[in-house]
Amino acid sequence: MLLWLIFVVPAVGCFGAIWALTNLWIRRKLFTEGPPSMYWSVSVVLVLAPYFLGLGFA
């Protein structure tokens, strides 16, 4: 269980930090230029990225 936590907690934490920073940056850029559909597309890809990475490494 401890070994599982050593790998999962940092991975989820890094994903969350990258997701939040990218989400803030994209939102700020798209409120001034571009269609909002691009914002949602990037957000969906970032949310699903850990799932697909997990499938790739499994």
N, C-alpha and C. Protein backbone atom coordinates (compact mmCIF):
# COMPACT_ATOMS: atom_id res chain seq x y z
N MET A 1 0.84 -1.20 0.00
CA MET A 1 0.00 0.00 0.00
C MET A 1 0.87 1.25 0.00
N LEU A 2 1.93 1.26 0.80
CA LEU A 2 2.80 2.43 0.86
C LEU A 2 3.49 2.68 -0.47
N LEU A 3 3.94 1.62 -1.12
CA LEU A 3 4.58 1.77 -2.42
C LEU A 3 3.61 2.36 -3.44
N TRP A 4 2.35 1.94 -3.37
CA TRP A 4 1.33 2.47 -4.26
C TRP A 4 1.15 3.98 -4.03
N LEU A 5 1.14 4.39 -2.77
CA LEU A 5 0.98 5.81 -2.45
C LEU A 5 2.18 6.63 -2.89
N ILE A 6 3.36 6.03 -2.84
CA ILE A 6 4.58 6.74 -3.25
C ILE A 6 4.51 7.11 -4.73
N PHE A 7 3.89 6.29 -5.54
CA PHE A 7 3.81 6.58 -6.98
C PHE A 7 2.55 7.35 -7.36
N VAL A 8 1.44 7.05 -6.75
CA VAL A 8 0.17 7.64 -7.17
C VAL A 8 0.01 9.08 -6.69
N VAL A 9 0.34 9.35 -5.45
CA VAL A 9 0.14 10.70 -4.91
C VAL A 9 0.95 11.75 -5.68
N PRO A 10 2.26 11.54 -5.94
CA PRO A 10 2.97 12.54 -6.74
C PRO A 10 2.45 12.66 -8.18
N ALA A 11 2.05 11.53 -8.77
CA ALA A 11 1.54 11.59 -10.15
C ALA A 11 0.25 12.39 -10.22
N VAL A 12 -0.67 12.14 -9.29
CA VAL A 12 -1.93 12.88 -9.27
C VAL A 12 -1.69 14.34 -8.91
N GLY A 13 -0.78 14.59 -7.99
CA GLY A 13 -0.46 15.97 -7.62
C GLY A 13 0.14 16.76 -8.77
N CYS A 14 1.07 16.13 -9.50
CA CYS A 14 1.67 16.80 -10.67
C CYS A 14 0.62 17.04 -11.74
N PHE A 15 -0.22 16.06 -11.98
CA PHE A 15 -1.28 16.23 -12.98
C PHE A 15 -2.20 17.38 -12.58
N GLY A 16 -2.58 17.42 -11.31
CA GLY A 16 -3.46 18.49 -10.84
C GLY A 16 -2.84 19.86 -10.98
N ALA A 17 -1.55 19.97 -10.67
CA ALA A 17 -0.87 21.25 -10.80
C ALA A 17 -0.76 21.68 -12.26
N ILE A 18 -0.38 20.74 -13.13
CA ILE A 18 -0.28 21.06 -14.56
C ILE A 18 -1.65 21.42 -15.12
N TRP A 19 -2.68 20.67 -14.73
CA TRP A 19 -4.03 20.95 -15.20
C TRP A 19 -4.50 22.34 -14.78
N ALA A 20 -4.27 22.67 -13.51
CA ALA A 20 -4.73 23.97 -13.00
C ALA A 20 -4.00 25.13 -13.68
N LEU A 21 -2.68 25.02 -13.80
CA LEU A 21 -1.92 26.10 -14.43
C LEU A 21 -2.28 26.25 -15.91
N THR A 22 -2.40 25.15 -16.62
CA THR A 22 -2.76 25.22 -18.04
C THR A 22 -4.18 25.75 -18.20
N ASN A 23 -5.07 25.33 -17.34
CA ASN A 23 -6.46 25.78 -17.40
C ASN A 23 -6.54 27.29 -17.18
N LEU A 24 -5.82 27.80 -16.21
CA LEU A 24 -5.81 29.25 -15.98
C LEU A 24 -5.22 30.01 -17.15
N TRP A 25 -4.13 29.49 -17.71
CA TRP A 25 -3.47 30.16 -18.83
C TRP A 25 -4.37 30.16 -20.07
N ILE A 26 -4.97 29.02 -20.39
CA ILE A 26 -5.85 28.92 -21.56
C ILE A 26 -7.07 29.82 -21.39
N ARG A 27 -7.66 29.81 -20.20
CA ARG A 27 -8.86 30.62 -19.97
C ARG A 27 -8.56 32.10 -20.14
N ARG A 28 -7.41 32.52 -19.63
CA ARG A 28 -7.05 33.94 -19.76
C ARG A 28 -6.82 34.31 -21.22
N LYS A 29 -6.18 33.43 -21.99
CA LYS A 29 -5.92 33.71 -23.40
C LYS A 29 -7.20 33.71 -24.23
N LEU A 30 -8.11 32.81 -23.93
CA LEU A 30 -9.29 32.66 -24.78
C LEU A 30 -10.40 33.64 -24.44
N PHE A 31 -10.33 34.28 -23.30
CA PHE A 31 -11.34 35.30 -23.03
C PHE A 31 -11.10 36.54 -23.88
N THR A 32 -9.89 36.71 -24.38
CA THR A 32 -9.60 37.87 -25.22
C THR A 32 -9.56 37.51 -26.69
N GLU A 33 -9.26 36.24 -27.00
CA GLU A 33 -9.17 35.85 -28.41
C GLU A 33 -9.54 34.38 -28.58
N GLY A 34 -10.07 34.04 -29.72
CA GLY A 34 -10.38 32.65 -30.02
C GLY A 34 -11.74 32.20 -29.52
N PRO A 35 -12.22 31.10 -30.09
CA PRO A 35 -13.53 30.57 -29.69
C PRO A 35 -13.43 29.79 -28.38
N PRO A 36 -14.49 29.76 -27.59
CA PRO A 36 -14.47 29.02 -26.33
C PRO A 36 -14.39 27.50 -26.52
N SER A 37 -14.71 27.00 -27.72
CA SER A 37 -14.65 25.55 -27.93
C SER A 37 -13.23 25.02 -27.77
N MET A 38 -12.23 25.83 -28.09
CA MET A 38 -10.85 25.40 -27.92
C MET A 38 -10.54 25.22 -26.43
N TYR A 39 -11.05 26.09 -25.61
CA TYR A 39 -10.84 25.98 -24.16
C TYR A 39 -11.39 24.67 -23.63
N TRP A 40 -12.58 24.31 -24.06
CA TRP A 40 -13.20 23.08 -23.57
C TRP A 40 -12.48 21.85 -24.11
N SER A 41 -12.02 21.90 -25.34
CA SER A 41 -11.29 20.77 -25.92
C SER A 41 -10.01 20.50 -25.14
N VAL A 42 -9.26 21.55 -24.85
CA VAL A 42 -8.01 21.38 -24.10
C VAL A 42 -8.31 20.89 -22.69
N SER A 43 -9.35 21.38 -22.07
CA SER A 43 -9.71 20.94 -20.72
C SER A 43 -10.07 19.46 -20.69
N VAL A 44 -10.84 19.00 -21.66
CA VAL A 44 -11.23 17.59 -21.71
C VAL A 44 -10.01 16.70 -21.94
N VAL A 45 -9.11 17.11 -22.82
CA VAL A 45 -7.90 16.33 -23.07
C VAL A 45 -7.05 16.25 -21.82
N LEU A 46 -6.90 17.34 -21.10
CA LEU A 46 -6.10 17.32 -19.88
C LEU A 46 -6.73 16.47 -18.79
N VAL A 47 -8.02 16.45 -18.70
CA VAL A 47 -8.68 15.63 -17.69
C VAL A 47 -8.55 14.15 -18.02
N LEU A 48 -8.61 13.79 -19.28
CA LEU A 48 -8.54 12.38 -19.67
C LEU A 48 -7.12 11.87 -19.85
N ALA A 49 -6.12 12.73 -19.84
CA ALA A 49 -4.73 12.32 -20.07
C ALA A 49 -4.25 11.26 -19.09
N PRO A 50 -4.47 11.37 -17.78
CA PRO A 50 -3.98 10.33 -16.88
C PRO A 50 -4.60 8.96 -17.17
N TYR A 51 -5.84 8.93 -17.57
CA TYR A 51 -6.50 7.66 -17.89
C TYR A 51 -5.81 6.99 -19.07
N PHE A 52 -5.56 7.75 -20.12
CA PHE A 52 -4.92 7.17 -21.30
C PHE A 52 -3.46 6.82 -21.03
N LEU A 53 -2.78 7.60 -20.22
CA LEU A 53 -1.41 7.25 -19.85
C LEU A 53 -1.40 5.97 -19.02
N GLY A 54 -2.36 5.81 -18.14
CA GLY A 54 -2.46 4.59 -17.36
C GLY A 54 -2.72 3.38 -18.24
N LEU A 55 -3.56 3.53 -19.25
CA LEU A 55 -3.81 2.43 -20.17
C LEU A 55 -2.55 2.08 -20.98
N GLY A 56 -1.78 3.10 -21.32
CA GLY A 56 -0.58 2.88 -22.10
C GLY A 56 0.51 2.15 -21.31
N PHE A 57 0.60 2.42 -20.02
CA PHE A 57 1.64 1.80 -19.20
C PHE A 57 1.18 0.49 -18.56
N ALA A 58 -0.09 0.18 -18.67
CA ALA A 58 -0.60 -1.05 -18.03
C ALA A 58 -0.31 -2.28 -18.82
